[in-house]
C-alpha cells in the first residue's frame, strides 16, 4: 500500500503567501516518529518553502526533479490532533535555482487532519 502525506504550516494565517513550508511525500507506511524522512527513503519527496517576502523556494532543482539530498524532516511528536517536528535542507528559488536558502533548524507544529478513507474512492 502507498501512503501520500502532505504536511504544511504557515507562520501567520493572515499572510497565506509568506513564511510557509510544505512537505509532500509518499511512503509505504503511515507517518512514523522514528523515521527521518529524506529523498532516499520516500517515493515522492517535494519540499516547498515561501520566505518572508513570499518568494517560492523548492527543494527540487529547477528543470528536473532531483531533490536536494540534504532535505529532511522528522516528526518529534505525533498525536491524534497535531504533528510536531523539525526540518532542514537547501531550497532553490523557483525562478532562479542559483539562489538558495539553507534552513538548518526549522520547526513545525500543525493540526492533524486525517481524511476519511471514502474520500479516496474512485469516481467521487
Protein backbone atom coordinates (compact mmCIF):
# COMPACT_ATOMS: atom_id res chain seq x y z
CA UNK A 1 0.00 0.00 0.00
CA UNK A 2 1.16 3.54 -0.76
CA UNK A 3 0.52 6.44 1.62
CA UNK A 4 0.52 10.01 0.33
CA UNK A 5 1.23 12.62 3.01
CA UNK A 6 1.15 16.41 2.97
CA UNK A 7 2.44 18.41 5.91
CA UNK A 8 2.12 22.16 5.66
CA UNK A 9 2.34 25.02 8.07
CA UNK A 10 2.21 28.78 7.94
CA UNK A 11 3.55 31.29 10.43
CA UNK A 12 0.60 33.70 10.17
CA UNK A 13 -2.80 32.72 8.72
CA UNK A 14 -3.47 36.33 7.72
CA UNK A 15 -0.45 36.16 5.34
CA UNK A 16 -1.07 32.95 3.39
CA UNK A 17 1.67 33.62 0.83
CA UNK A 18 4.55 34.13 3.27
CA UNK A 19 6.51 32.01 5.72
CA UNK A 20 5.02 28.74 4.52
CA UNK A 21 6.53 25.24 4.48
CA UNK A 22 5.07 22.22 2.68
CA UNK A 23 6.35 18.65 2.63
CA UNK A 24 4.60 16.38 0.14
CA UNK A 25 5.86 12.82 0.41
CA UNK A 26 4.81 9.21 -0.22
CA UNK A 27 5.75 6.14 1.78
CA UNK A 28 4.75 2.52 2.18
CA UNK A 29 3.67 3.09 5.79
CA UNK A 30 1.76 5.64 7.88
CA UNK A 31 3.75 8.53 9.35
CA UNK A 32 6.26 7.44 11.99
CA UNK A 33 8.05 9.49 14.64
CA UNK A 34 11.09 7.22 14.50
CA UNK A 35 11.89 7.98 10.85
CA UNK A 36 13.84 10.89 9.41
CA UNK A 37 12.22 11.38 6.01
CA UNK A 38 14.60 12.10 3.13
CA UNK A 39 14.54 11.78 -0.66
CA UNK A 40 16.24 8.38 -0.35
CA UNK A 41 13.59 6.70 1.84
CA UNK A 42 10.42 8.07 0.22
CA UNK A 43 8.82 7.56 -3.19
CA UNK A 44 7.89 11.21 -3.63
CA UNK A 45 9.59 13.99 -1.68
CA UNK A 46 8.67 17.55 -2.60
CA UNK A 47 9.57 20.25 -0.07
CA UNK A 48 8.39 23.82 -0.76
CA UNK A 49 9.14 26.99 1.19
CA UNK A 50 7.82 30.54 0.83
CA UNK A 51 10.08 33.08 2.56
CA UNK A 52 9.05 36.21 4.47
CA UNK A 53 8.70 38.08 1.15
CA UNK A 54 6.64 35.34 -0.49
CA UNK A 55 9.45 34.15 -2.75
CA UNK A 56 8.85 30.49 -3.69
CA UNK A 57 11.71 28.08 -3.00
CA UNK A 58 11.69 24.36 -3.73
CA UNK A 59 13.83 21.50 -2.57
CA UNK A 60 13.91 20.43 -6.22
CA UNK A 61 16.39 21.80 -8.72
CA UNK A 62 14.70 23.83 -11.45
CA UNK A 63 14.07 21.97 -14.69
CA UNK A 64 14.49 18.46 -13.26
CA UNK A 65 13.16 16.55 -10.32
CA UNK A 66 16.40 15.95 -8.44
CA UNK A 67 15.62 16.76 -4.83
CA UNK A 68 18.46 18.31 -2.86
CA UNK A 69 19.92 15.40 -0.92
CA UNK A 70 20.22 17.37 2.32
CA UNK A 71 16.47 17.97 2.68
CA UNK A 72 14.96 16.05 5.57
CA UNK A 73 12.35 16.24 8.26
CA UNK A 74 11.29 14.21 11.26
CA UNK A 75 8.24 14.12 13.44
CA UNK A 76 9.12 14.70 17.09
CA UNK A 77 5.56 14.20 18.28
CA UNK A 78 2.54 12.62 16.63
CA UNK A 79 -0.85 12.80 18.33
CA UNK A 80 -4.44 12.39 17.20
CA UNK A 81 -4.74 16.18 16.93
CA UNK A 82 -1.35 17.51 15.76
CA UNK A 83 2.02 16.74 14.20
CA UNK A 84 5.18 18.38 15.50
CA UNK A 85 8.65 18.13 14.05
CA UNK A 86 11.89 19.54 12.74
CA UNK A 87 13.26 20.05 9.24
CA UNK A 88 16.33 21.23 7.38
CA UNK A 89 17.64 21.47 3.86
CA UNK A 90 18.53 23.53 0.84
CA UNK A 91 15.77 25.24 -1.09
CA UNK A 92 16.17 26.73 -4.59
CA UNK A 93 14.36 29.85 -5.80
CA UNK A 94 11.74 28.60 -8.27
CA UNK A 95 12.66 31.19 -10.90
CA UNK A 96 16.46 31.05 -10.45
CA UNK A 97 17.99 27.91 -8.97
CA UNK A 98 21.31 29.70 -8.42
CA UNK A 99 19.64 31.47 -5.48
CA UNK A 100 19.28 29.22 -2.45
CA UNK A 101 18.10 29.30 1.13
CA UNK A 102 19.51 26.89 3.69
CA UNK A 103 17.35 26.06 6.66
CA UNK A 104 19.17 24.28 9.47
CA UNK A 105 16.79 24.36 12.42
CA UNK A 106 13.22 24.58 11.11
CA UNK A 107 10.36 23.58 13.39
CA UNK A 108 6.66 22.96 12.79
CA UNK A 109 3.54 22.11 14.76
CA UNK A 110 0.42 21.68 12.66
CA UNK A 111 -3.10 20.32 13.21
CA UNK A 112 -3.53 16.73 12.12
CA UNK A 113 -6.26 16.17 9.56
CA UNK A 114 -6.92 12.59 8.51
CA UNK A 115 -9.26 12.35 5.52
CA UNK A 116 -11.99 9.77 5.59
CA UNK A 117 -10.98 6.73 3.54
CA UNK A 118 -14.14 7.20 1.45
CA UNK A 119 -12.60 10.46 0.18
CA UNK A 120 -10.25 8.36 -1.94
CA UNK A 121 -12.81 6.14 -3.65
CA UNK A 122 -12.63 6.33 -7.44
CA UNK A 123 -15.45 8.26 -9.09
CA UNK A 124 -16.19 10.52 -6.15
